[in-house]
Amino acid sequence: MTTSSYGLSEDGGHTDGAITGRPAVAPSARVLTVCLTFLREGREYPCDLPLEVPGTRSDSD
């Protein structure tokens, strides 16, 4: 995973930058969990985002 974020936007509402990931997920993957930690005013705020991988079926199917 590569991240490149820097500085606040003019309104302070977001950070400029990008996040990319390699290698690709395995063909059998159903969910990709992205774990991000945001830093604001010296405090860390972790956030886990489970993303369904396109082309897969949910466990209930």
PDB file of N, CA and C in Angstrom:
ATOM      1  N   MET A   1       0.857  -1.165   0.000  1.00  0.00           N
ATOM      2  CA  MET A   1       0.000   0.000   0.000  1.00  0.00           C
ATOM      3  C   MET A   1       0.904   1.229   0.000  1.00  0.00           C
ATOM      4  N   THR A   2       0.520   2.182  -0.800  1.00  0.00           N
ATOM      5  CA  THR A   2       1.253   3.429  -0.888  1.00  0.00           C
ATOM      6  C   THR A   2       0.307   4.576  -0.553  1.00  0.00           C
ATOM      7  N   THR A   3       0.717   5.421   0.343  1.00  0.00           N
ATOM      8  CA  THR A   3      -0.084   6.598   0.636  1.00  0.00           C
ATOM      9  C   THR A   3       0.751   7.838   0.394  1.00  0.00           C
ATOM     10  N   SER A   4       0.108   8.856  -0.040  1.00  0.00           N
ATOM     11  CA  SER A   4       0.772  10.128  -0.253  1.00  0.00           C
ATOM     12  C   SER A   4      -0.239  11.216   0.066  1.00  0.00           C
ATOM     13  N   SER A   5      -0.271  11.615   1.313  1.00  0.00           N
ATOM     14  CA  SER A   5      -1.181  12.690   1.690  1.00  0.00           C
ATOM     15  C   SER A   5      -0.365  13.805   2.320  1.00  0.00           C
ATOM     16  N   TYR A   6      -0.804  14.993   2.083  1.00  0.00           N
ATOM     17  CA  TYR A   6      -0.027  16.141   2.527  1.00  0.00           C
ATOM     18  C   TYR A   6      -0.933  17.348   2.682  1.00  0.00           C
ATOM     19  N   GLY A   7      -0.759  18.091   3.724  1.00  0.00           N
ATOM     20  CA  GLY A   7      -1.433  19.373   3.922  1.00  0.00           C
ATOM     21  C   GLY A   7      -2.943  19.353   3.835  1.00  0.00           C
ATOM     22  N   LEU A   8      -3.562  20.317   4.456  1.00  0.00           N
ATOM     23  CA  LEU A   8      -5.008  20.489   4.412  1.00  0.00           C
ATOM     24  C   LEU A   8      -5.427  21.272   3.181  1.00  0.00           C
ATOM     25  N   SER A   9      -6.648  21.017   2.744  1.00  0.00           N
ATOM     26  CA  SER A   9      -7.224  21.827   1.678  1.00  0.00           C
ATOM     27  C   SER A   9      -7.444  23.240   2.210  1.00  0.00           C
ATOM     28  N   GLU A  10      -7.766  24.151   1.326  1.00  0.00           N
ATOM     29  CA  GLU A  10      -7.955  25.541   1.750  1.00  0.00           C
ATOM     30  C   GLU A  10      -9.033  25.689   2.810  1.00  0.00           C
ATOM     31  N   ASP A  11     -10.114  24.887   2.710  1.00  0.00           N
ATOM     32  CA  ASP A  11     -11.184  24.994   3.699  1.00  0.00           C
ATOM     33  C   ASP A  11     -10.946  24.124   4.933  1.00  0.00           C
ATOM     34  N   GLY A  12      -9.856  23.339   4.946  1.00  0.00           N
ATOM     35  CA  GLY A  12      -9.533  22.495   6.089  1.00  0.00           C
ATOM     36  C   GLY A  12     -10.377  21.241   6.187  1.00  0.00           C
ATOM     37  N   GLY A  13     -11.180  20.959   5.161  1.00  0.00           N
ATOM     38  CA  GLY A  13     -12.102  19.831   5.210  1.00  0.00           C
ATOM     39  C   GLY A  13     -11.525  18.501   4.779  1.00  0.00           C
ATOM     40  N   HIS A  14     -10.385  18.499   4.113  1.00  0.00           N
ATOM     41  CA  HIS A  14      -9.781  17.249   3.675  1.00  0.00           C
ATOM     42  C   HIS A  14      -8.279  17.426   3.466  1.00  0.00           C
ATOM     43  N   THR A  15      -7.589  16.301   3.279  1.00  0.00           N
ATOM     44  CA  THR A  15      -6.162  16.304   2.999  1.00  0.00           C
ATOM     45  C   THR A  15      -5.968  16.026   1.515  1.00  0.00           C
ATOM     46  N   ASP A  16      -5.041  16.709   0.893  1.00  0.00           N
ATOM     47  CA  ASP A  16      -4.718  16.430  -0.495  1.00  0.00           C
ATOM     48  C   ASP A  16      -3.831  15.189  -0.558  1.00  0.00           C
ATOM     49  N   GLY A  17      -4.020  14.351  -1.582  1.00  0.00           N
ATOM     50  CA  GLY A  17      -3.176  13.179  -1.741  1.00  0.00           C
ATOM     51  C   GLY A  17      -3.933  12.014  -2.327  1.00  0.00           C
ATOM     52  N   ALA A  18      -3.312  10.840  -2.267  1.00  0.00           N
ATOM     53  CA  ALA A  18      -3.899   9.637  -2.861  1.00  0.00           C
ATOM     54  C   ALA A  18      -3.475   8.405  -2.082  1.00  0.00           C
ATOM     55  N   ILE A  19      -4.261   7.321  -2.235  1.00  0.00           N
ATOM     56  CA  ILE A  19      -3.944   6.023  -1.653  1.00  0.00           C
ATOM     57  C   ILE A  19      -4.049   4.998  -2.778  1.00  0.00           C
ATOM     58  N   THR A  20      -3.016   4.184  -2.935  1.00  0.00           N
ATOM     59  CA  THR A  20      -3.048   3.112  -3.920  1.00  0.00           C
ATOM     60  C   THR A  20      -2.570   1.829  -3.254  1.00  0.00           C
ATOM     61  N   GLY A  21      -2.955   0.696  -3.793  1.00  0.00           N
ATOM     62  CA  GLY A  21      -2.542  -0.580  -3.211  1.00  0.00           C
ATOM     63  C   GLY A  21      -2.123  -1.579  -4.266  1.00  0.00           C
ATOM     64  N   ARG A  22      -1.122  -2.371  -3.965  1.00  0.00           N
ATOM     65  CA  ARG A  22      -0.645  -3.454  -4.819  1.00  0.00           C
ATOM     66  C   ARG A  22      -0.077  -4.518  -3.903  1.00  0.00           C
ATOM     67  N   PRO A  23      -0.132  -5.771  -4.213  1.00  0.00           N
ATOM     68  CA  PRO A  23      -0.677  -6.382  -5.413  1.00  0.00           C
ATOM     69  C   PRO A  23      -2.195  -6.451  -5.350  1.00  0.00           C
ATOM     70  N   ALA A  24      -2.788  -6.934  -6.425  1.00  0.00           N
ATOM     71  CA  ALA A  24      -4.240  -7.090  -6.477  1.00  0.00           C
ATOM     72  C   ALA A  24      -4.668  -8.149  -5.466  1.00  0.00           C
ATOM     73  N   VAL A  25      -5.936  -8.092  -5.068  1.00  0.00           N
ATOM     74  CA  VAL A  25      -6.456  -9.089  -4.127  1.00  0.00           C
ATOM     75  C   VAL A  25      -6.560 -10.449  -4.826  1.00  0.00           C
ATOM     76  N   ALA A  26      -6.548 -11.512  -4.040  1.00  0.00           N
ATOM     77  CA  ALA A  26      -6.670 -12.871  -4.577  1.00  0.00           C
ATOM     78  C   ALA A  26      -8.025 -13.049  -5.258  1.00  0.00           C
ATOM     79  N   PRO A  27      -8.106 -13.867  -6.306  1.00  0.00           N
ATOM     80  CA  PRO A  27      -9.376 -14.078  -7.001  1.00  0.00           C
ATOM     81  C   PRO A  27     -10.490 -14.596  -6.092  1.00  0.00           C
ATOM     82  N   SER A  28     -10.139 -15.289  -5.022  1.00  0.00           N
ATOM     83  CA  SER A  28     -11.146 -15.839  -4.114  1.00  0.00           C
ATOM     84  C   SER A  28     -11.590 -14.852  -3.029  1.00  0.00           C
ATOM     85  N   ALA A  29     -11.000 -13.671  -2.985  1.00  0.00           N
ATOM     86  CA  ALA A  29     -11.326 -12.689  -1.937  1.00  0.00           C
ATOM     87  C   ALA A  29     -12.763 -12.208  -2.081  1.00  0.00           C
ATOM     88  N   ARG A  30     -13.455 -12.108  -0.956  1.00  0.00           N
ATOM     89  CA  ARG A  30     -14.828 -11.599  -0.941  1.00  0.00           C
ATOM     90  C   ARG A  30     -14.885 -10.188  -0.358  1.00  0.00           C
ATOM     91  N   VAL A  31     -14.018  -9.929   0.628  1.00  0.00           N
ATOM     92  CA  VAL A  31     -14.017  -8.627   1.301  1.00  0.00           C
ATOM     93  C   VAL A  31     -12.577  -8.157   1.465  1.00  0.00           C
ATOM     94  N   LEU A  32     -12.358  -6.897   1.215  1.00  0.00           N
ATOM     95  CA  LEU A  32     -11.069  -6.250   1.445  1.00  0.00           C
ATOM     96  C   LEU A  32     -11.291  -5.236   2.549  1.00  0.00           C
ATOM     97  N   THR A  33     -10.558  -5.374   3.650  1.00  0.00           N
ATOM     98  CA  THR A  33     -10.689  -4.423   4.748  1.00  0.00           C
ATOM     99  C   THR A  33      -9.552  -3.420   4.673  1.00  0.00           C
ATOM    100  N   VAL A  34      -9.906  -2.168   4.506  1.00  0.00           N
ATOM    101  CA  VAL A  34      -8.931  -1.082   4.456  1.00  0.00           C
ATOM    102  C   VAL A  34      -8.882  -0.450   5.839  1.00  0.00           C
ATOM    103  N   CYS A  35      -7.696  -0.405   6.413  1.00  0.00           N
ATOM    104  CA  CYS A  35      -7.509   0.166   7.755  1.00  0.00           C
ATOM    105  C   CYS A  35      -6.777   1.492   7.621  1.00  0.00           C
ATOM    106  N   LEU A  36      -7.450   2.562   7.999  1.00  0.00           N
ATOM    107  CA  LEU A  36      -6.869   3.899   7.936  1.00  0.00           C
ATOM    108  C   LEU A  36      -6.797   4.483   9.338  1.00  0.00           C
ATOM    109  N   THR A  37      -5.786   5.288   9.585  1.00  0.00           N
ATOM    110  CA  THR A  37      -5.700   6.025  10.837  1.00  0.00           C
ATOM    111  C   THR A  37      -5.544   7.497  10.487  1.00  0.00           C
ATOM    112  N   PHE A  38      -6.517   8.282  10.916  1.00  0.00           N
ATOM    113  CA  PHE A  38      -6.496   9.715  10.672  1.00  0.00           C
ATOM    114  C   PHE A  38      -5.852  10.410  11.858  1.00  0.00           C
ATOM    115  N   LEU A  39      -5.035  11.396  11.590  1.00  0.00           N
ATOM    116  CA  LEU A  39      -4.380  12.177  12.622  1.00  0.00           C
ATOM    117  C   LEU A  39      -4.941  13.581  12.581  1.00  0.00           C
ATOM    118  N   ARG A  40      -5.503  14.014  13.713  1.00  0.00           N
ATOM    119  CA  ARG A  40      -6.068  15.359  13.785  1.00  0.00           C
ATOM    120  C   ARG A  40      -5.731  15.949  15.141  1.00  0.00           C
ATOM    121  N   GLU A  41      -5.076  17.093  15.118  1.00  0.00           N
ATOM    122  CA  GLU A  41      -4.683  17.804  16.331  1.00  0.00           C
ATOM    123  C   GLU A  41      -3.944  16.894  17.309  1.00  0.00           C
ATOM    124  N   GLY A  42      -3.030  16.071  16.775  1.00  0.00           N
ATOM    125  CA  GLY A  42      -2.192  15.223  17.608  1.00  0.00           C
ATOM    126  C   GLY A  42      -2.857  13.950  18.108  1.00  0.00           C
ATOM    127  N   ARG A  43      -4.097  13.669  17.725  1.00  0.00           N
ATOM    128  CA  ARG A  43      -4.797  12.453  18.146  1.00  0.00           C
ATOM    129  C   ARG A  43      -5.054  11.557  16.940  1.00  0.00           C
ATOM    130  N   GLU A  44      -4.985  10.246  17.179  1.00  0.00           N
ATOM    131  CA  GLU A  44      -5.231   9.274  16.121  1.00  0.00           C
ATOM    132  C   GLU A  44      -6.665   8.767  16.181  1.00  0.00           C
ATOM    133  N   TYR A  45      -7.285   8.645  15.003  1.00  0.00           N
ATOM    134  CA  TYR A  45      -8.645   8.140  14.890  1.00  0.00           C
ATOM    135  C   TYR A  45      -8.635   6.992  13.876  1.00  0.00           C
ATOM    136  N   PRO A  46      -8.623   5.727  14.364  1.00  0.00           N
ATOM    137  CA  PRO A  46      -8.599   4.595  13.441  1.00  0.00           C
ATOM    138  C   PRO A  46      -9.965   4.359  12.809  1.00  0.00           C
ATOM    139  N   CYS A  47      -9.941   3.847  11.589  1.00  0.00           N
ATOM    140  CA  CYS A  47     -11.170   3.571  10.855  1.00  0.00           C
ATOM    141  C   CYS A  47     -10.942   2.346   9.967  1.00  0.00           C
ATOM    142  N   ASP A  48     -11.757   1.297  10.151  1.00  0.00           N
ATOM    143  CA  ASP A  48     -11.687   0.103   9.309  1.00  0.00           C
ATOM    144  C   ASP A  48     -12.861   0.127   8.347  1.00  0.00           C
ATOM    145  N   LEU A  49     -12.579  -0.040   7.070  1.00  0.00           N
ATOM    146  CA  LEU A  49     -13.610  -0.005   6.037  1.00  0.00           C
ATOM    147  C   LEU A  49     -13.663  -1.345   5.313  1.00  0.00           C
ATOM    148  N   PRO A  50     -14.675  -2.177   5.582  1.00  0.00           N
ATOM    149  CA  PRO A  50     -14.796  -3.423   4.825  1.00  0.00           C
ATOM    150  C   PRO A  50     -15.439  -3.137   3.470  1.00  0.00           C
ATOM    151  N   LEU A  51     -14.767  -3.531   2.402  1.00  0.00           N
ATOM    152  CA  LEU A  51     -15.260  -3.291   1.048  1.00  0.00           C
ATOM    153  C   LEU A  51     -15.496  -4.618   0.351  1.00  0.00           C
ATOM    154  N   GLU A  52     -16.702  -4.829  -0.174  1.00  0.00           N
ATOM    155  CA  GLU A  52     -16.984  -6.043  -0.915  1.00  0.00           C
ATOM    156  C   GLU A  52     -16.229  -5.992  -2.243  1.00  0.00           C
ATOM    157  N   VAL A  53     -15.579  -7.084  -2.577  1.00  0.00           N
ATOM    158  CA  VAL A  53     -14.818  -7.155  -3.820  1.00  0.00           C
ATOM    159  C   VAL A  53     -15.801  -7.400  -4.965  1.00  0.00           C
ATOM    160  N   PRO A  54     -15.811  -6.555  -5.996  1.00  0.00           N
ATOM    161  CA  PRO A  54     -16.746  -6.729  -7.113  1.00  0.00           C
ATOM    162  C   PRO A  54     -16.589  -8.102  -7.759  1.00  0.00           C
ATOM    163  N   GLY A  55     -17.729  -8.663  -8.175  1.00  0.00           N
ATOM    164  CA  GLY A  55     -17.695  -9.955  -8.863  1.00  0.00           C
ATOM    165  C   GLY A  55     -17.780 -11.144  -7.937  1.00  0.00           C
ATOM    166  N   THR A  56     -17.866 -10.916  -6.630  1.00  0.00           N
ATOM    167  CA  THR A  56     -18.005 -12.022  -5.683  1.00  0.00           C
ATOM    168  C   THR A  56     -19.419 -12.064  -5.143  1.00  0.00           C
ATOM    169  N   ARG A  57     -19.779 -13.165  -4.563  1.00  0.00           N
ATOM    170  CA  ARG A  57     -21.109 -13.305  -4.000  1.00  0.00           C
ATOM    171  C   ARG A  57     -21.011 -13.268  -2.481  1.00  0.00           C
ATOM    172  N   SER A  58     -22.033 -12.721  -1.826  1.00  0.00           N
ATOM    173  CA  SER A  58     -22.028 -12.663  -0.364  1.00  0.00           C
ATOM    174  C   SER A  58     -22.202 -14.073   0.204  1.00  0.00           C
ATOM    175  N   ASP A  59     -21.861 -14.255   1.481  1.00  0.00           N
ATOM    176  CA  ASP A  59     -21.957 -15.557   2.134  1.00  0.00           C
ATOM    177  C   ASP A  59     -23.398 -16.068   2.181  1.00  0.00           C
ATOM    178  N   SER A  60     -24.389 -15.184   2.121  1.00  0.00           N
ATOM    179  CA  SER A  60     -25.789 -15.597   2.223  1.00  0.00           C
ATOM    180  C   SER A  60     -26.342 -16.131   0.901  1.00  0.00           C
ATOM    181  N   ASP A  61     -25.590 -15.995  -0.200  1.00  0.00           N
ATOM    182  CA  ASP A  61     -26.073 -16.487  -1.511  1.00  0.00           C
ATOM    183  C   ASP A  61     -25.919 -17.986  -1.627  1.00  0.00           C
TER     184      ASP A  61
END
